[in-house]
């Protein structure tokens, strides 16, 4: 993977925007064939980078507890911060 760097000031190409969509089947109060989507993406309006969270189409993304959200955000953080600089 390439390094995340919104400025792109380096010897190698960098990732300037990261978008990850997490999906799961519908919960017990909806049709199991429906898909729930949670989208996390990086953004920078000029005041510095931040993470934007959205649920497309005005639907919802169900979790059983806060730990499930921590797992999702940890995964996103790993993808955001992962580099292979040592392997170049």
N, C-alpha and C. Protein backbone atom coordinates (compact mmCIF):
# COMPACT_ATOMS: atom_id res chain seq x y z
N UNK A 1 0.84 -1.19 0.00
CA UNK A 1 0.00 0.00 0.00
C UNK A 1 0.88 1.24 0.00
N UNK A 2 0.34 2.30 -0.56
CA UNK A 2 1.04 3.57 -0.56
C UNK A 2 0.70 4.36 0.70
N UNK A 3 1.58 5.25 1.06
CA UNK A 3 1.39 6.07 2.24
C UNK A 3 0.28 7.10 2.01
N UNK A 4 -0.51 7.37 3.05
CA UNK A 4 -1.52 8.43 2.99
C UNK A 4 -0.83 9.75 3.28
N UNK A 5 -0.93 10.68 2.36
CA UNK A 5 -0.30 11.99 2.51
C UNK A 5 -1.03 12.96 1.61
N UNK A 6 -1.87 13.80 2.18
CA UNK A 6 -2.70 14.68 1.36
C UNK A 6 -1.88 15.69 0.57
N UNK A 7 -0.66 15.96 1.02
CA UNK A 7 0.18 16.94 0.31
C UNK A 7 0.91 16.30 -0.87
N UNK A 8 1.17 15.01 -0.81
CA UNK A 8 1.85 14.33 -1.90
C UNK A 8 3.27 14.82 -2.12
N UNK A 9 3.92 15.26 -1.07
CA UNK A 9 5.27 15.79 -1.19
C UNK A 9 6.29 14.69 -0.85
N UNK A 10 6.58 13.85 -1.79
CA UNK A 10 7.54 12.81 -1.53
C UNK A 10 8.08 12.24 -2.82
N UNK A 11 8.98 11.30 -2.66
CA UNK A 11 9.61 10.67 -3.81
C UNK A 11 8.65 9.73 -4.53
N UNK A 12 7.69 9.18 -3.79
CA UNK A 12 6.77 8.20 -4.35
C UNK A 12 5.35 8.76 -4.41
N UNK A 13 4.50 8.19 -5.25
CA UNK A 13 3.09 8.60 -5.24
C UNK A 13 2.48 8.32 -3.86
N UNK A 14 1.52 9.11 -3.49
CA UNK A 14 0.84 8.92 -2.20
C UNK A 14 -0.67 8.89 -2.41
N UNK A 15 -1.36 8.42 -1.40
CA UNK A 15 -2.82 8.38 -1.41
C UNK A 15 -3.30 9.71 -0.83
N UNK A 16 -4.12 10.44 -1.58
CA UNK A 16 -4.59 11.74 -1.10
C UNK A 16 -6.00 11.68 -0.52
N UNK A 17 -6.70 10.59 -0.77
CA UNK A 17 -8.05 10.42 -0.23
C UNK A 17 -8.28 8.93 -0.04
N UNK A 18 -8.86 8.58 1.09
CA UNK A 18 -9.15 7.18 1.38
C UNK A 18 -10.64 7.05 1.67
N UNK A 19 -11.31 6.16 0.96
CA UNK A 19 -12.73 5.89 1.17
C UNK A 19 -12.89 4.39 1.38
N UNK A 20 -13.51 4.02 2.50
CA UNK A 20 -13.78 2.60 2.78
C UNK A 20 -15.25 2.47 3.10
N UNK A 21 -15.93 1.54 2.42
CA UNK A 21 -17.33 1.25 2.72
C UNK A 21 -17.41 -0.12 3.39
N UNK A 22 -17.95 -0.13 4.59
CA UNK A 22 -18.16 -1.37 5.34
C UNK A 22 -19.60 -1.80 5.11
N UNK A 23 -19.81 -3.06 4.82
CA UNK A 23 -21.16 -3.55 4.54
C UNK A 23 -21.48 -4.75 5.42
N UNK A 24 -22.77 -4.93 5.65
CA UNK A 24 -23.26 -6.10 6.39
C UNK A 24 -24.71 -6.33 6.00
N UNK A 25 -25.19 -7.53 6.28
CA UNK A 25 -26.59 -7.84 5.95
C UNK A 25 -27.51 -7.10 6.90
N UNK A 26 -28.75 -6.99 6.52
CA UNK A 26 -29.75 -6.30 7.33
C UNK A 26 -29.90 -6.91 8.71
N UNK A 27 -30.37 -6.11 9.65
CA UNK A 27 -30.56 -6.60 11.01
C UNK A 27 -31.92 -7.29 11.16
N UNK A 28 -32.26 -7.68 12.37
CA UNK A 28 -33.48 -8.46 12.62
C UNK A 28 -34.77 -7.67 12.39
N UNK A 29 -34.68 -6.36 12.23
CA UNK A 29 -35.87 -5.54 12.00
C UNK A 29 -36.06 -5.17 10.55
N UNK A 30 -35.29 -5.80 9.67
CA UNK A 30 -35.43 -5.54 8.25
C UNK A 30 -35.16 -6.83 7.49
N UNK A 31 -35.38 -6.78 6.21
CA UNK A 31 -35.12 -7.93 5.36
C UNK A 31 -33.63 -8.24 5.36
N UNK A 32 -33.28 -9.50 5.62
CA UNK A 32 -31.87 -9.90 5.67
C UNK A 32 -31.17 -9.72 4.33
N UNK A 33 -31.93 -9.60 3.26
CA UNK A 33 -31.33 -9.39 1.94
C UNK A 33 -30.89 -7.94 1.73
N UNK A 34 -31.37 -7.04 2.59
CA UNK A 34 -30.93 -5.65 2.50
C UNK A 34 -29.49 -5.55 2.99
N UNK A 35 -28.77 -4.62 2.43
CA UNK A 35 -27.37 -4.43 2.82
C UNK A 35 -27.24 -3.09 3.53
N UNK A 36 -26.61 -3.11 4.70
CA UNK A 36 -26.32 -1.88 5.42
C UNK A 36 -24.91 -1.44 5.05
N UNK A 37 -24.72 -0.14 4.87
CA UNK A 37 -23.43 0.40 4.45
C UNK A 37 -23.03 1.54 5.37
N UNK A 38 -21.79 1.50 5.84
CA UNK A 38 -21.18 2.59 6.60
C UNK A 38 -19.96 3.03 5.82
N UNK A 39 -19.89 4.31 5.49
CA UNK A 39 -18.79 4.84 4.68
C UNK A 39 -17.92 5.77 5.53
N UNK A 40 -16.63 5.49 5.55
CA UNK A 40 -15.65 6.37 6.20
C UNK A 40 -14.72 6.89 5.12
N UNK A 41 -14.45 8.18 5.16
CA UNK A 41 -13.55 8.76 4.16
C UNK A 41 -12.76 9.91 4.76
N UNK A 42 -11.59 10.13 4.20
CA UNK A 42 -10.80 11.27 4.62
C UNK A 42 -11.24 12.49 3.82
N UNK A 43 -11.08 13.65 4.42
CA UNK A 43 -11.42 14.90 3.76
C UNK A 43 -10.49 15.98 4.30
N UNK A 44 -10.35 17.05 3.54
CA UNK A 44 -9.56 18.20 3.99
C UNK A 44 -10.07 19.43 3.28
N UNK A 45 -10.73 20.29 4.03
CA UNK A 45 -11.26 21.52 3.46
C UNK A 45 -10.29 22.68 3.56
N UNK A 46 -9.02 22.38 3.88
CA UNK A 46 -8.02 23.42 3.97
C UNK A 46 -7.55 23.70 5.39
N UNK A 47 -8.32 23.28 6.37
CA UNK A 47 -7.94 23.50 7.77
C UNK A 47 -7.28 22.27 8.38
N UNK A 48 -7.05 21.26 7.58
CA UNK A 48 -6.43 20.03 8.06
C UNK A 48 -7.33 18.84 7.82
N UNK A 49 -6.73 17.66 7.75
CA UNK A 49 -7.50 16.46 7.44
C UNK A 49 -8.43 16.04 8.58
N UNK A 50 -9.54 15.41 8.20
CA UNK A 50 -10.47 14.84 9.17
C UNK A 50 -11.14 13.64 8.53
N UNK A 51 -11.88 12.90 9.33
CA UNK A 51 -12.59 11.71 8.85
C UNK A 51 -14.07 12.03 8.80
N UNK A 52 -14.68 11.74 7.66
CA UNK A 52 -16.12 11.95 7.47
C UNK A 52 -16.80 10.58 7.50
N UNK A 53 -17.89 10.48 8.24
CA UNK A 53 -18.64 9.23 8.34
C UNK A 53 -20.03 9.47 7.77
N UNK A 54 -20.50 8.55 6.92
CA UNK A 54 -21.84 8.69 6.36
C UNK A 54 -22.48 7.32 6.17
N UNK A 55 -23.79 7.35 6.13
CA UNK A 55 -24.58 6.15 5.86
C UNK A 55 -25.38 6.47 4.61
N UNK A 56 -24.91 5.95 3.46
CA UNK A 56 -25.55 6.29 2.19
C UNK A 56 -27.05 6.00 2.15
N UNK A 57 -27.74 6.76 1.35
CA UNK A 57 -29.17 6.59 1.08
C UNK A 57 -30.05 6.82 2.30
N UNK A 58 -29.54 7.50 3.33
CA UNK A 58 -30.36 7.82 4.50
C UNK A 58 -30.80 6.62 5.30
N UNK A 59 -30.12 5.51 5.16
CA UNK A 59 -30.48 4.30 5.89
C UNK A 59 -29.74 4.25 7.21
N UNK A 60 -29.38 3.08 7.68
CA UNK A 60 -28.69 2.95 8.95
C UNK A 60 -27.71 1.79 8.91
N UNK A 61 -26.81 1.75 9.92
CA UNK A 61 -25.82 0.70 10.07
C UNK A 61 -25.89 0.27 11.53
N UNK A 62 -26.31 -0.96 11.77
CA UNK A 62 -26.56 -1.43 13.12
C UNK A 62 -25.33 -2.09 13.74
N UNK A 63 -25.13 -1.85 15.03
CA UNK A 63 -24.09 -2.53 15.80
C UNK A 63 -24.71 -3.00 17.10
N UNK A 64 -24.13 -4.05 17.66
CA UNK A 64 -24.64 -4.59 18.93
C UNK A 64 -24.05 -3.86 20.12
N UNK A 65 -22.84 -3.31 19.95
CA UNK A 65 -22.18 -2.63 21.06
C UNK A 65 -21.08 -1.72 20.53
N UNK A 66 -20.51 -0.94 21.40
CA UNK A 66 -19.47 0.02 21.03
C UNK A 66 -18.22 -0.69 20.52
N UNK A 67 -17.94 -1.87 21.02
CA UNK A 67 -16.76 -2.62 20.57
C UNK A 67 -16.78 -2.84 19.05
N UNK A 68 -17.94 -3.08 18.50
CA UNK A 68 -18.05 -3.29 17.05
C UNK A 68 -17.64 -2.02 16.29
N UNK A 69 -18.00 -0.87 16.80
CA UNK A 69 -17.57 0.39 16.18
C UNK A 69 -16.06 0.58 16.32
N UNK A 70 -15.52 0.21 17.46
CA UNK A 70 -14.07 0.31 17.67
C UNK A 70 -13.32 -0.54 16.66
N UNK A 71 -13.83 -1.73 16.37
CA UNK A 71 -13.19 -2.61 15.38
C UNK A 71 -13.19 -1.96 14.00
N UNK A 72 -14.31 -1.37 13.63
CA UNK A 72 -14.41 -0.71 12.32
C UNK A 72 -13.44 0.46 12.24
N UNK A 73 -13.43 1.31 13.28
CA UNK A 73 -12.53 2.47 13.25
C UNK A 73 -11.06 2.05 13.34
N UNK A 74 -10.76 0.98 14.05
CA UNK A 74 -9.38 0.47 14.09
C UNK A 74 -8.95 -0.01 12.72
N UNK A 75 -9.84 -0.68 12.01
CA UNK A 75 -9.54 -1.15 10.67
C UNK A 75 -9.26 0.04 9.75
N UNK A 76 -10.10 1.06 9.83
CA UNK A 76 -9.91 2.25 9.00
C UNK A 76 -8.57 2.92 9.33
N UNK A 77 -8.26 3.01 10.61
CA UNK A 77 -7.01 3.63 11.02
C UNK A 77 -5.80 2.85 10.49
N UNK A 78 -5.88 1.52 10.52
CA UNK A 78 -4.79 0.71 9.97
C UNK A 78 -4.61 0.96 8.48
N UNK A 79 -5.70 1.02 7.76
CA UNK A 79 -5.62 1.28 6.31
C UNK A 79 -5.06 2.67 6.04
N UNK A 80 -5.41 3.62 6.87
CA UNK A 80 -4.97 5.00 6.71
C UNK A 80 -3.48 5.16 7.01
N UNK A 81 -2.99 4.45 8.00
CA UNK A 81 -1.62 4.63 8.45
C UNK A 81 -0.64 3.60 7.93
N UNK A 82 -1.10 2.59 7.21
CA UNK A 82 -0.23 1.52 6.75
C UNK A 82 0.69 2.01 5.64
N UNK A 83 1.97 1.70 5.77
CA UNK A 83 2.92 2.00 4.70
C UNK A 83 3.85 0.83 4.51
N UNK A 84 4.45 0.76 3.34
CA UNK A 84 5.46 -0.25 3.06
C UNK A 84 6.79 0.43 2.77
N UNK A 85 7.03 1.57 3.39
CA UNK A 85 8.26 2.32 3.13
C UNK A 85 9.51 1.46 3.35
N UNK A 86 9.47 0.57 4.33
CA UNK A 86 10.64 -0.27 4.60
C UNK A 86 10.91 -1.25 3.50
N UNK A 87 9.92 -1.53 2.65
CA UNK A 87 10.08 -2.52 1.58
C UNK A 87 10.46 -1.89 0.25
N UNK A 88 10.66 -0.61 0.19
CA UNK A 88 10.99 0.05 -1.08
C UNK A 88 12.47 0.03 -1.33
